[in-house]
Amino acid sequence: MSKDKITEDLEKIPMMEPEAILSTLDGIPLPPAIKKNLWKSLGRLITGLVDIPVAFLESKTESIKGETIALNIFRQKIIEKASDDFIEDTELMNRAVNYYGSKVLREQLNREKVFDKTIEDLKLNTPNEDTDKEIDDDWLVNFSRIVETKSNEDVQLALSKILSGEIKQPGSFGLKTLQTLAILDQETAKIFEKFCRLSYQNLSLPESPLLVHGPFKSPASNSLREFDLSYKEILELQDSGLVQNEIGVQINFSQAFFNLPFTLGKQVYKITPQYDSVKIEKQVNCTCFTKVGMELRRVMDYSFDAKFNEKFMEWVKEEFKIE
């Protein structure tokens, strides 16, 4: 492709106003500041540019097949630049161009898949209130670097929920959480899902998920093995920075902990006490999430363990005299 042809192709690419492009992508009404965060995220993850060519957006809807005008221009530019250095070894040049081009396409595809899932999450969980914060540039840079290396769909889904949450309320997910997710292997992620499935959360206290040992012996005695969670696996979660190091932290529980809506795994409960119920407080052994663990718990895909929940509720009614 000649340089004149490249210039001609570039001139054929029409430009659109950012607002018009954004409206074609999200399809949902968002408050102004949140929409700005979405736009900023789009620029960082998809192009790194403020203005986006329509040809690029068209290639996006076709899953980046690799033969769009923009991609051809990109390849040609690399070839022109590389030819000066590798003119005597065309095979080496071709291998380098093919390798780099494939790498860039794979990374781009990963970023786009996560962004598409983010749009879907925003459609399902459209915020009613605006934010007073702007999404951080450094956060987006780190997020983009992580996203482009992740092709597993489960991880991409978790990443999309993180981005959606950060767009709606910047500061919801720390850089340490991103770094932990970047190195989290699938086996540890599965263990963490099991741990989340057995966790208790008071819905009025969103930063308070716990694994309550009250109905069982200490996890150190493998008391949770019947629910497919071993002590060794809990230690692995500690090593990964998802669970606090001290097992068996004593926390005061009262009847009110169960009168308010709470969850065991993803199942919601609320126990209405009888008027003559005795108000009881007890110290209960628990294992706590770290801050990173709490943040990742919000985006993990897990359900609940019916057998565990049944035993837990029996313990609650017996210990706190709730009928």
C-alpha atoms as a PDB file:
ATOM      1  CA  MET A   1       0.000   0.000   0.000  1.00  0.00           C
ATOM      2  CA  SER A   2       1.477   3.360  -1.041  1.00  0.00           C
ATOM      3  CA  LYS A   3       1.720   6.372   1.232  1.00  0.00           C
ATOM      4  CA  ASP A   4      -0.745   8.234  -1.030  1.00  0.00           C
ATOM      5  CA  LYS A   5      -3.216   5.378  -0.619  1.00  0.00           C
ATOM      6  CA  ILE A   6      -2.803   5.474   3.187  1.00  0.00           C
ATOM      7  CA  THR A   7      -3.493   9.206   3.205  1.00  0.00           C
ATOM      8  CA  GLU A   8      -6.516   8.695   0.963  1.00  0.00           C
ATOM      9  CA  ASP A   9      -7.932   6.023   3.314  1.00  0.00           C
ATOM     10  CA  LEU A  10      -7.378   8.236   6.340  1.00  0.00           C
ATOM     11  CA  GLU A  11      -9.298  11.061   4.721  1.00  0.00           C
ATOM     12  CA  LYS A  12     -12.221   8.720   4.070  1.00  0.00           C
ATOM     13  CA  ILE A  13     -12.708   8.068   7.779  1.00  0.00           C
ATOM     14  CA  PRO A  14     -15.441  10.477   8.965  1.00  0.00           C
ATOM     15  CA  MET A  15     -15.395  11.833  12.504  1.00  0.00           C
ATOM     16  CA  MET A  16     -18.269  12.097  14.969  1.00  0.00           C
ATOM     17  CA  GLU A  17     -18.811  14.198  18.028  1.00  0.00           C
ATOM     18  CA  PRO A  18     -18.019  12.306  21.272  1.00  0.00           C
ATOM     19  CA  GLU A  19     -21.614  12.656  22.523  1.00  0.00           C
ATOM     20  CA  ALA A  20     -22.982  11.043  19.361  1.00  0.00           C
ATOM     21  CA  ILE A  21     -20.541   8.133  19.600  1.00  0.00           C
ATOM     22  CA  LEU A  22     -21.317   7.570  23.243  1.00  0.00           C
ATOM     23  CA  SER A  23     -25.055   7.490  22.590  1.00  0.00           C
ATOM     24  CA  THR A  24     -24.518   4.708  20.050  1.00  0.00           C
ATOM     25  CA  LEU A  25     -22.585   2.660  22.589  1.00  0.00           C
ATOM     26  CA  ASP A  26     -24.389   2.812  25.891  1.00  0.00           C
ATOM     27  CA  GLY A  27     -28.057   3.081  24.973  1.00  0.00           C
ATOM     28  CA  ILE A  28     -28.905   3.997  28.557  1.00  0.00           C
ATOM     29  CA  PRO A  29     -29.662   7.304  30.278  1.00  0.00           C
ATOM     30  CA  LEU A  30     -26.892   8.137  32.734  1.00  0.00           C
ATOM     31  CA  PRO A  31     -26.335  11.137  35.006  1.00  0.00           C
ATOM     32  CA  PRO A  32     -23.813  13.621  33.511  1.00  0.00           C
ATOM     33  CA  ALA A  33     -20.779  12.852  35.701  1.00  0.00           C
ATOM     34  CA  ILE A  34     -21.261   9.088  35.372  1.00  0.00           C
ATOM     35  CA  LYS A  35     -21.653   9.436  31.619  1.00  0.00           C
ATOM     36  CA  LYS A  36     -18.394  11.405  31.563  1.00  0.00           C
ATOM     37  CA  ASN A  37     -16.690   8.580  33.476  1.00  0.00           C
ATOM     38  CA  LEU A  38     -18.061   6.080  30.967  1.00  0.00           C
ATOM     39  CA  TRP A  39     -16.760   8.178  28.086  1.00  0.00           C
ATOM     40  CA  LYS A  40     -13.349   8.506  29.732  1.00  0.00           C
ATOM     41  CA  SER A  41     -13.201   4.733  30.258  1.00  0.00           C
ATOM     42  CA  LEU A  42     -14.146   4.165  26.623  1.00  0.00           C
ATOM     43  CA  GLY A  43     -11.285   6.360  25.458  1.00  0.00           C
ATOM     44  CA  ARG A  44      -8.746   4.603  27.665  1.00  0.00           C
ATOM     45  CA  LEU A  45      -9.798   1.005  27.021  1.00  0.00           C
ATOM     46  CA  ILE A  46     -10.826   1.143  23.372  1.00  0.00           C
ATOM     47  CA  THR A  47      -8.671   3.718  21.591  1.00  0.00           C
ATOM     48  CA  GLY A  48      -6.646   5.879  23.935  1.00  0.00           C
ATOM     49  CA  LEU A  49      -7.931   8.786  21.807  1.00  0.00           C
ATOM     50  CA  VAL A  50     -10.468  11.533  22.368  1.00  0.00           C
ATOM     51  CA  ASP A  51     -11.940  11.293  18.870  1.00  0.00           C
ATOM     52  CA  ILE A  52     -12.894   7.877  17.558  1.00  0.00           C
ATOM     53  CA  PRO A  53     -13.199   7.082  13.823  1.00  0.00           C
ATOM     54  CA  VAL A  54     -16.459   5.545  12.674  1.00  0.00           C
ATOM     55  CA  ALA A  55     -14.527   2.834  10.820  1.00  0.00           C
ATOM     56  CA  PHE A  56     -13.126   1.694  14.144  1.00  0.00           C
ATOM     57  CA  LEU A  57     -16.584   1.472  15.682  1.00  0.00           C
ATOM     58  CA  GLU A  58     -17.739  -0.558  12.710  1.00  0.00           C
ATOM     59  CA  SER A  59     -14.842  -2.960  13.199  1.00  0.00           C
ATOM     60  CA  LYS A  60     -15.886  -3.247  16.844  1.00  0.00           C
ATOM     61  CA  THR A  61     -19.337  -4.539  15.939  1.00  0.00           C
ATOM     62  CA  GLU A  62     -17.711  -7.150  13.697  1.00  0.00           C
ATOM     63  CA  SER A  63     -15.532  -8.431  16.570  1.00  0.00           C
ATOM     64  CA  ILE A  64     -12.327  -6.959  15.111  1.00  0.00           C
ATOM     65  CA  LYS A  65     -11.891  -9.315  12.179  1.00  0.00           C
ATOM     66  CA  GLY A  66      -8.566  -7.725  11.369  1.00  0.00           C
ATOM     67  CA  GLU A  67      -9.232  -6.475   7.861  1.00  0.00           C
ATOM     68  CA  THR A  68     -10.723  -3.021   8.489  1.00  0.00           C
ATOM     69  CA  ILE A  69      -9.206   0.107   7.023  1.00  0.00           C
ATOM     70  CA  ALA A  70      -7.857   1.215  10.380  1.00  0.00           C
ATOM     71  CA  LEU A  71      -6.078  -2.100  10.927  1.00  0.00           C
ATOM     72  CA  ASN A  72      -4.590  -2.126   7.441  1.00  0.00           C
ATOM     73  CA  ILE A  73      -3.221   1.352   8.007  1.00  0.00           C
ATOM     74  CA  PHE A  74      -1.791   0.247  11.326  1.00  0.00           C
ATOM     75  CA  ARG A  75      -0.075  -2.759   9.749  1.00  0.00           C
ATOM     76  CA  GLN A  76       1.314  -0.703   6.897  1.00  0.00           C
ATOM     77  CA  LYS A  77       2.762   1.892   9.243  1.00  0.00           C
ATOM     78  CA  ILE A  78       4.549  -0.837  11.215  1.00  0.00           C
ATOM     79  CA  ILE A  79       5.914  -2.399   8.041  1.00  0.00           C
ATOM     80  CA  GLU A  80       7.206   0.950   6.789  1.00  0.00           C
ATOM     81  CA  LYS A  81       8.941   1.679  10.076  1.00  0.00           C
ATOM     82  CA  ALA A  82      10.312  -1.830  10.496  1.00  0.00           C
ATOM     83  CA  SER A  83      11.651  -2.044   6.965  1.00  0.00           C
ATOM     84  CA  ASP A  84      14.384   0.463   7.775  1.00  0.00           C
ATOM     85  CA  ASP A  85      15.743  -1.801  10.527  1.00  0.00           C
ATOM     86  CA  PHE A  86      15.110  -5.213   9.000  1.00  0.00           C
ATOM     87  CA  ILE A  87      15.572  -4.542   5.305  1.00  0.00           C
ATOM     88  CA  GLU A  88      18.131  -7.345   5.004  1.00  0.00           C
ATOM     89  CA  ASP A  89      15.979  -9.924   6.796  1.00  0.00           C
ATOM     90  CA  THR A  90      12.427  -9.778   5.504  1.00  0.00           C
ATOM     91  CA  GLU A  91      11.458 -13.057   7.201  1.00  0.00           C
ATOM     92  CA  LEU A  92      12.471 -11.663  10.579  1.00  0.00           C
ATOM     93  CA  MET A  93      10.541  -8.499   9.858  1.00  0.00           C
ATOM     94  CA  ASN A  94       7.405 -10.446   8.885  1.00  0.00           C
ATOM     95  CA  ARG A  95       7.572 -12.580  12.021  1.00  0.00           C
ATOM     96  CA  ALA A  96       7.964  -9.507  14.219  1.00  0.00           C
ATOM     97  CA  VAL A  97       5.068  -7.706  12.527  1.00  0.00           C
ATOM     98  CA  ASN A  98       2.793 -10.757  12.708  1.00  0.00           C
ATOM     99  CA  TYR A  99       3.645 -11.389  16.355  1.00  0.00           C
ATOM    100  CA  TYR A 100       3.145  -7.793  17.411  1.00  0.00           C
ATOM    101  CA  GLY A 101       0.002  -7.388  15.313  1.00  0.00           C
ATOM    102  CA  SER A 102      -1.543 -10.541  16.804  1.00  0.00           C
ATOM    103  CA  LYS A 103      -0.638  -9.425  20.315  1.00  0.00           C
ATOM    104  CA  VAL A 104      -2.198  -6.000  19.822  1.00  0.00           C
ATOM    105  CA  LEU A 105      -5.381  -7.493  18.364  1.00  0.00           C
ATOM    106  CA  ARG A 106      -5.718 -10.011  21.191  1.00  0.00           C
ATOM    107  CA  GLU A 107      -5.261  -7.307  23.824  1.00  0.00           C
ATOM    108  CA  GLN A 108      -7.713  -5.021  22.032  1.00  0.00           C
ATOM    109  CA  LEU A 109     -10.306  -7.776  21.824  1.00  0.00           C
ATOM    110  CA  ASN A 110      -9.983  -8.481  25.566  1.00  0.00           C
ATOM    111  CA  ARG A 111     -10.474  -4.808  26.405  1.00  0.00           C
ATOM    112  CA  GLU A 112     -13.489  -4.550  24.145  1.00  0.00           C
ATOM    113  CA  LYS A 113     -15.139  -7.644  25.589  1.00  0.00           C
ATOM    114  CA  VAL A 114     -14.806  -6.245  29.098  1.00  0.00           C
ATOM    115  CA  PHE A 115     -16.163  -2.880  28.001  1.00  0.00           C
ATOM    116  CA  ASP A 116     -19.154  -4.542  26.304  1.00  0.00           C
ATOM    117  CA  LYS A 117     -19.900  -6.454  29.518  1.00  0.00           C
ATOM    118  CA  THR A 118     -19.583  -3.187  31.446  1.00  0.00           C
ATOM    119  CA  ILE A 119     -22.251  -1.607  29.250  1.00  0.00           C
ATOM    120  CA  GLU A 120     -24.540  -4.565  29.897  1.00  0.00           C
ATOM    121  CA  ASP A 121     -23.989  -4.259  33.650  1.00  0.00           C
ATOM    122  CA  LEU A 122     -24.818  -0.536  33.543  1.00  0.00           C
ATOM    123  CA  LYS A 123     -28.005  -1.331  31.619  1.00  0.00           C
ATOM    124  CA  LEU A 124     -29.053  -3.867  34.257  1.00  0.00           C
ATOM    125  CA  ASN A 125     -27.964  -1.708  37.198  1.00  0.00           C
ATOM    126  CA  THR A 126     -28.568   1.843  36.019  1.00  0.00           C
ATOM    127  CA  PRO A 127     -27.635   4.328  38.757  1.00  0.00           C
ATOM    128  CA  ASN A 128     -30.321   6.747  39.948  1.00  0.00           C
ATOM    129  CA  GLU A 129     -27.921   9.235  41.483  1.00  0.00           C
ATOM    130  CA  ASP A 130     -24.905  10.996  40.003  1.00  0.00           C
ATOM    131  CA  THR A 131     -21.391  10.964  41.439  1.00  0.00           C
ATOM    132  CA  ASP A 132     -19.255  13.928  42.473  1.00  0.00           C
ATOM    133  CA  LYS A 133     -16.014  12.163  41.518  1.00  0.00           C
ATOM    134  CA  GLU A 134     -14.127  11.648  38.271  1.00  0.00           C
ATOM    135  CA  ILE A 135     -12.599   8.285  37.514  1.00  0.00           C
ATOM    136  CA  ASP A 136      -8.838   8.394  38.093  1.00  0.00           C
ATOM    137  CA  ASP A 137      -6.450   8.322  35.110  1.00  0.00           C
ATOM    138  CA  ASP A 138      -3.860   6.154  36.864  1.00  0.00           C
ATOM    139  CA  TRP A 139      -6.581   3.716  37.924  1.00  0.00           C
ATOM    140  CA  LEU A 140      -7.756   3.401  34.305  1.00  0.00           C
ATOM    141  CA  VAL A 141      -4.192   2.872  33.065  1.00  0.00           C
ATOM    142  CA  ASN A 142      -3.654   0.024  35.542  1.00  0.00           C
ATOM    143  CA  PHE A 143      -7.089  -1.429  34.809  1.00  0.00           C
ATOM    144  CA  SER A 144      -6.436  -1.363  31.051  1.00  0.00           C
ATOM    145  CA  ARG A 145      -3.115  -3.186  31.456  1.00  0.00           C
ATOM    146  CA  ILE A 146      -4.780  -5.932  33.462  1.00  0.00           C
ATOM    147  CA  VAL A 147      -7.826  -6.261  31.214  1.00  0.00           C
ATOM    148  CA  GLU A 148      -5.835  -6.740  28.037  1.00  0.00           C
ATOM    149  CA  THR A 149      -4.166  -9.872  29.459  1.00  0.00           C
ATOM    150  CA  LYS A 150      -7.397 -11.579  30.571  1.00  0.00           C
ATOM    151  CA  SER A 151      -9.291 -13.764  28.079  1.00  0.00           C
ATOM    152  CA  ASN A 152     -11.139 -15.956  30.610  1.00  0.00           C
ATOM    153  CA  GLU A 153     -14.848 -15.046  30.515  1.00  0.00           C
ATOM    154  CA  ASP A 154     -15.383 -15.362  34.270  1.00  0.00           C
ATOM    155  CA  VAL A 155     -12.495 -12.998  34.956  1.00  0.00           C
ATOM    156  CA  GLN A 156     -13.738 -10.616  32.264  1.00  0.00           C
ATOM    157  CA  LEU A 157     -17.160 -10.571  33.902  1.00  0.00           C
ATOM    158  CA  ALA A 158     -15.626  -9.718  37.283  1.00  0.00           C
ATOM    159  CA  LEU A 159     -13.529  -6.990  35.659  1.00  0.00           C
ATOM    160  CA  SER A 160     -16.584  -5.523  33.941  1.00  0.00           C
ATOM    161  CA  LYS A 161     -18.407  -5.291  37.268  1.00  0.00           C
ATOM    162  CA  ILE A 162     -15.379  -3.582  38.784  1.00  0.00           C
ATOM    163  CA  LEU A 163     -15.287  -1.035  35.954  1.00  0.00           C
ATOM    164  CA  SER A 164     -19.041  -0.488  36.185  1.00  0.00           C
ATOM    165  CA  GLY A 165     -18.754   0.125  39.927  1.00  0.00           C
ATOM    166  CA  GLU A 166     -15.811   2.479  39.459  1.00  0.00           C
ATOM    167  CA  ILE A 167     -17.645   4.431  36.743  1.00  0.00           C
ATOM    168  CA  LYS A 168     -20.634   4.878  39.052  1.00  0.00           C
ATOM    169  CA  GLN A 169     -18.554   5.681  42.142  1.00  0.00           C
ATOM    170  CA  PRO A 170     -14.813   6.225  41.621  1.00  0.00           C
ATOM    171  CA  GLY A 171     -12.753   4.906  44.527  1.00  0.00           C
ATOM    172  CA  SER A 172     -14.915   1.817  45.034  1.00  0.00           C
ATOM    173  CA  PHE A 173     -12.105  -0.527  43.989  1.00  0.00           C
ATOM    174  CA  GLY A 174      -8.493   0.092  44.970  1.00  0.00           C
ATOM    175  CA  LEU A 175      -5.397  -0.517  42.877  1.00  0.00           C
ATOM    176  CA  LYS A 176      -4.409  -3.308  45.267  1.00  0.00           C
ATOM    177  CA  THR A 177      -7.643  -5.096  44.381  1.00  0.00           C
ATOM    178  CA  LEU A 178      -6.799  -4.819  40.681  1.00  0.00           C
ATOM    179  CA  GLN A 179      -3.296  -6.135  41.308  1.00  0.00           C
ATOM    180  CA  THR A 180      -4.652  -9.073  43.314  1.00  0.00           C
ATOM    181  CA  LEU A 181      -7.131  -9.944  40.582  1.00  0.00           C
ATOM    182  CA  ALA A 182      -4.340  -9.731  38.001  1.00  0.00           C
ATOM    183  CA  ILE A 183      -2.396 -12.560  39.659  1.00  0.00           C
ATOM    184  CA  LEU A 184      -5.366 -14.567  40.952  1.00  0.00           C
ATOM    185  CA  ASP A 185      -5.325 -18.031  39.397  1.00  0.00           C
ATOM    186  CA  GLN A 186      -8.509 -19.929  38.591  1.00  0.00           C
ATOM    187  CA  GLU A 187      -8.042 -22.467  41.372  1.00  0.00           C
ATOM    188  CA  THR A 188      -7.778 -19.771  44.068  1.00  0.00           C
ATOM    189  CA  ALA A 189     -10.735 -17.935  42.532  1.00  0.00           C
ATOM    190  CA  LYS A 190     -12.836 -21.109  42.857  1.00  0.00           C
ATOM    191  CA  ILE A 191     -11.824 -21.446  46.524  1.00  0.00           C
ATOM    192  CA  PHE A 192     -12.739 -17.816  47.124  1.00  0.00           C
ATOM    193  CA  GLU A 193     -16.155 -18.407  45.553  1.00  0.00           C
ATOM    194  CA  LYS A 194     -16.723 -21.270  48.021  1.00  0.00           C
ATOM    195  CA  PHE A 195     -15.688 -19.031  50.918  1.00  0.00           C
ATOM    196  CA  CYS A 196     -18.085 -16.290  49.722  1.00  0.00           C
ATOM    197  CA  ARG A 197     -20.873 -18.852  49.407  1.00  0.00           C
ATOM    198  CA  LEU A 198     -20.648 -19.517  53.164  1.00  0.00           C
ATOM    199  CA  SER A 199     -20.265 -15.895  54.236  1.00  0.00           C
ATOM    200  CA  TYR A 200     -22.671 -13.808  56.300  1.00  0.00           C
ATOM    201  CA  GLN A 201     -23.457 -10.174  55.462  1.00  0.00           C
ATOM    202  CA  ASN A 202     -25.701  -7.681  57.238  1.00  0.00           C
ATOM    203  CA  LEU A 203     -27.214  -5.721  54.343  1.00  0.00           C
ATOM    204  CA  SER A 204     -27.276  -2.506  56.392  1.00  0.00           C
ATOM    205  CA  LEU A 205     -23.491  -2.811  56.858  1.00  0.00           C
ATOM    206  CA  PRO A 206     -22.084  -3.398  53.350  1.00  0.00           C
ATOM    207  CA  GLU A 207     -18.468  -3.543  54.549  1.00  0.00           C
ATOM    208  CA  SER A 208     -19.045  -6.325  57.052  1.00  0.00           C
ATOM    209  CA  PRO A 209     -18.963  -9.750  55.366  1.00  0.00           C
ATOM    210  CA  LEU A 210     -17.800 -12.560  57.658  1.00  0.00           C
ATOM    211  CA  LEU A 211     -17.458 -16.301  57.811  1.00  0.00           C
ATOM    212  CA  VAL A 212     -19.200 -17.140  61.084  1.00  0.00           C
ATOM    213  CA  HIS A 213     -17.891 -20.206  62.929  1.00  0.00           C
ATOM    214  CA  GLY A 214     -20.620 -20.198  65.574  1.00  0.00           C
ATOM    215  CA  PRO A 215     -22.608 -23.162  64.263  1.00  0.00           C
ATOM    216  CA  PHE A 216     -19.434 -25.212  63.792  1.00  0.00           C
ATOM    217  CA  LYS A 217     -16.058 -25.886  65.302  1.00  0.00           C
ATOM    218  CA  SER A 218     -12.985 -23.894  64.293  1.00  0.00           C
ATOM    219  CA  PRO A 219     -12.088 -24.155  60.595  1.00  0.00           C
ATOM    220  CA  ALA A 220      -8.639 -25.295  61.781  1.00  0.00           C
ATOM    221  CA  SER A 221     -10.277 -28.623  62.655  1.00  0.00           C
ATOM    222  CA  ASN A 222     -11.621 -28.880  59.085  1.00  0.00           C
ATOM    223  CA  SER A 223     -15.171 -28.360  60.333  1.00  0.00           C
ATOM    224  CA  LEU A 224     -16.193 -26.812  57.008  1.00  0.00           C
ATOM    225  CA  ARG A 225     -15.007 -29.708  54.867  1.00  0.00           C
ATOM    226  CA  GLU A 226     -18.577 -31.034  54.650  1.00  0.00           C
ATOM    227  CA  PHE A 227     -19.358 -27.798  52.779  1.00  0.00           C
ATOM    228  CA  ASP A 228     -16.413 -28.315  50.416  1.00  0.00           C
ATOM    229  CA  LEU A 229     -14.108 -25.811  52.134  1.00  0.00           C
ATOM    230  CA  SER A 230     -10.977 -27.157  53.807  1.00  0.00           C
ATOM    231  CA  TYR A 231      -8.673 -25.447  56.297  1.00  0.00           C
ATOM    232  CA  LYS A 232      -5.838 -25.670  53.776  1.00  0.00           C
ATOM    233  CA  GLU A 233      -7.929 -23.751  51.271  1.00  0.00           C
ATOM    234  CA  ILE A 234      -8.624 -21.002  53.812  1.00  0.00           C
ATOM    235  CA  LEU A 235      -4.863 -20.707  54.334  1.00  0.00           C
ATOM    236  CA  GLU A 236      -4.470 -20.300  50.576  1.00  0.00           C
ATOM    237  CA  LEU A 237      -6.940 -17.411  50.667  1.00  0.00           C
ATOM    238  CA  GLN A 238      -4.891 -15.835  53.436  1.00  0.00           C
ATOM    239  CA  ASP A 239      -1.741 -16.158  51.338  1.00  0.00           C
ATOM    240  CA  SER A 240      -3.562 -14.466  48.449  1.00  0.00           C
ATOM    241  CA  GLY A 241      -4.551 -11.501  50.612  1.00  0.00           C
ATOM    242  CA  LEU A 242      -8.300 -12.183  50.446  1.00  0.00           C
ATOM    243  CA  VAL A 243      -8.865 -13.314  54.049  1.00  0.00           C
ATOM    244  CA  GLN A 244      -7.373 -11.840  57.201  1.00  0.00           C
ATOM    245  CA  ASN A 245      -4.606 -13.835  58.854  1.00  0.00           C
ATOM    246  CA  GLU A 246      -6.301 -14.314  62.203  1.00  0.00           C
ATOM    247  CA  ILE A 247      -8.856 -17.114  62.239  1.00  0.00           C
ATOM    248  CA  GLY A 248     -11.328 -17.008  65.090  1.00  0.00           C
ATOM    249  CA  VAL A 249     -11.722 -13.260  65.673  1.00  0.00           C
ATOM    250  CA  GLN A 250     -14.366 -12.725  68.353  1.00  0.00           C
ATOM    251  CA  ILE A 251     -17.207 -10.421  67.339  1.00  0.00           C
ATOM    252  CA  ASN A 252     -20.243  -9.461  69.415  1.00  0.00           C
ATOM    253  CA  PHE A 253     -23.441 -10.691  67.799  1.00  0.00           C
ATOM    254  CA  SER A 254     -26.876  -9.723  69.029  1.00  0.00           C
ATOM    255  CA  GLN A 255     -30.405 -10.596  68.073  1.00  0.00           C
ATOM    256  CA  ALA A 256     -30.514  -7.433  65.943  1.00  0.00           C
ATOM    257  CA  PHE A 257     -27.963  -8.967  63.574  1.00  0.00           C
ATOM    258  CA  PHE A 258     -30.707 -11.292  62.386  1.00  0.00           C
ATOM    259  CA  ASN A 259     -33.753  -9.004  62.731  1.00  0.00           C
ATOM    260  CA  LEU A 260     -32.341  -6.863  59.919  1.00  0.00           C
ATOM    261  CA  PRO A 261     -32.029  -8.297  56.394  1.00  0.00           C
ATOM    262  CA  PHE A 262     -28.886 -10.392  55.993  1.00  0.00           C
ATOM    263  CA  THR A 263     -27.461 -12.838  53.512  1.00  0.00           C
ATOM    264  CA  LEU A 264     -25.834 -16.243  53.683  1.00  0.00           C
ATOM    265  CA  GLY A 265     -24.076 -16.494  50.375  1.00  0.00           C
ATOM    266  CA  LYS A 266     -26.538 -14.859  47.996  1.00  0.00           C
ATOM    267  CA  GLN A 267     -29.688 -15.952  49.858  1.00  0.00           C
ATOM    268  CA  VAL A 268     -31.486 -13.206  51.802  1.00  0.00           C
ATOM    269  CA  TYR A 269     -32.987 -13.775  55.272  1.00  0.00           C
ATOM    270  CA  LYS A 270     -34.789 -11.715  57.875  1.00  0.00           C
ATOM    271  CA  ILE A 271     -36.106 -13.123  61.143  1.00  0.00           C
ATOM    272  CA  THR A 272     -38.965 -11.327  62.841  1.00  0.00           C
ATOM    273  CA  PRO A 273     -38.647 -11.840  66.628  1.00  0.00           C
ATOM    274  CA  GLN A 274     -41.542 -12.566  68.935  1.00  0.00           C
ATOM    275  CA  TYR A 275     -42.485  -9.754  71.325  1.00  0.00           C
ATOM    276  CA  ASP A 276     -41.375 -11.756  74.341  1.00  0.00           C
ATOM    277  CA  SER A 277     -38.023 -12.751  72.830  1.00  0.00           C
ATOM    278  CA  VAL A 278     -35.016 -12.405  75.070  1.00  0.00           C
ATOM    279  CA  LYS A 279     -32.419  -9.975  73.732  1.00  0.00           C
ATOM    280  CA  ILE A 280     -29.124 -11.819  73.804  1.00  0.00           C
ATOM    281  CA  GLU A 281     -25.575 -10.825  72.930  1.00  0.00           C
ATOM    282  CA  LYS A 282     -22.829 -13.357  72.372  1.00  0.00           C
ATOM    283  CA  GLN A 283     -19.221 -13.369  71.280  1.00  0.00           C
ATOM    284  CA  VAL A 284     -18.920 -15.413  68.128  1.00  0.00           C
ATOM    285  CA  ASN A 285     -15.748 -16.612  66.405  1.00  0.00           C
ATOM    286  CA  CYS A 286     -15.447 -15.387  62.825  1.00  0.00           C
ATOM    287  CA  THR A 287     -12.999 -15.127  59.946  1.00  0.00           C
ATOM    288  CA  CYS A 288     -12.956 -11.730  58.248  1.00  0.00           C
ATOM    289  CA  PHE A 289     -12.298 -10.643  54.688  1.00  0.00           C
ATOM    290  CA  THR A 290      -9.501  -8.217  53.937  1.00  0.00           C
ATOM    291  CA  LYS A 291     -10.395  -4.940  52.190  1.00  0.00           C
ATOM    292  CA  VAL A 292      -9.321  -6.518  48.907  1.00  0.00           C
ATOM    293  CA  GLY A 293     -11.420  -9.590  49.693  1.00  0.00           C
ATOM    294  CA  MET A 294     -14.481  -7.453  50.459  1.00  0.00           C
ATOM    295  CA  GLU A 295     -14.124  -5.568  47.188  1.00  0.00           C
ATOM    296  CA  LEU A 296     -13.684  -8.728  45.125  1.00  0.00           C
ATOM    297  CA  ARG A 297     -16.573 -10.414  46.925  1.00  0.00           C
ATOM    298  CA  ARG A 298     -18.874  -7.752  45.459  1.00  0.00           C
ATOM    299  CA  VAL A 299     -18.075  -8.863  41.910  1.00  0.00           C
ATOM    300  CA  MET A 300     -17.597 -12.619  42.297  1.00  0.00           C
ATOM    301  CA  ASP A 301     -20.169 -15.011  40.854  1.00  0.00           C
ATOM    302  CA  TYR A 302     -21.304 -17.285  43.695  1.00  0.00           C
ATOM    303  CA  SER A 303     -24.580 -18.673  45.057  1.00  0.00           C
ATOM    304  CA  PHE A 304     -25.208 -20.298  48.456  1.00  0.00           C
ATOM    305  CA  ASP A 305     -24.973 -23.655  50.184  1.00  0.00           C
ATOM    306  CA  ALA A 306     -28.436 -24.853  51.241  1.00  0.00           C
ATOM    307  CA  LYS A 307     -27.069 -27.364  53.772  1.00  0.00           C
ATOM    308  CA  PHE A 308     -24.827 -24.751  55.393  1.00  0.00           C
ATOM    309  CA  ASN A 309     -27.655 -22.207  55.524  1.00  0.00           C
ATOM    310  CA  GLU A 310     -29.998 -24.694  57.175  1.00  0.00           C
ATOM    311  CA  LYS A 311     -27.498 -25.446  59.948  1.00  0.00           C
ATOM    312  CA  PHE A 312     -26.698 -21.765  60.367  1.00  0.00           C
ATOM    313  CA  MET A 313     -30.359 -20.821  60.808  1.00  0.00           C
ATOM    314  CA  GLU A 314     -30.878 -23.613  63.332  1.00  0.00           C
ATOM    315  CA  TRP A 315     -27.932 -22.234  65.311  1.00  0.00           C
ATOM    316  CA  VAL A 316     -29.298 -18.658  65.164  1.00  0.00           C
ATOM    317  CA  LYS A 317     -32.704 -19.664  66.476  1.00  0.00           C
ATOM    318  CA  GLU A 318     -31.225 -21.769  69.250  1.00  0.00           C
ATOM    319  CA  GLU A 319     -28.486 -19.384  70.417  1.00  0.00           C
ATOM    320  CA  PHE A 320     -30.466 -16.150  70.191  1.00  0.00           C
ATOM    321  CA  LYS A 321     -33.852 -17.588  71.177  1.00  0.00           C
ATOM    322  CA  ILE A 322     -35.580 -16.516  67.997  1.00  0.00           C
ATOM    323  CA  GLU A 323     -38.601 -18.552  67.034  1.00  0.00           C
END
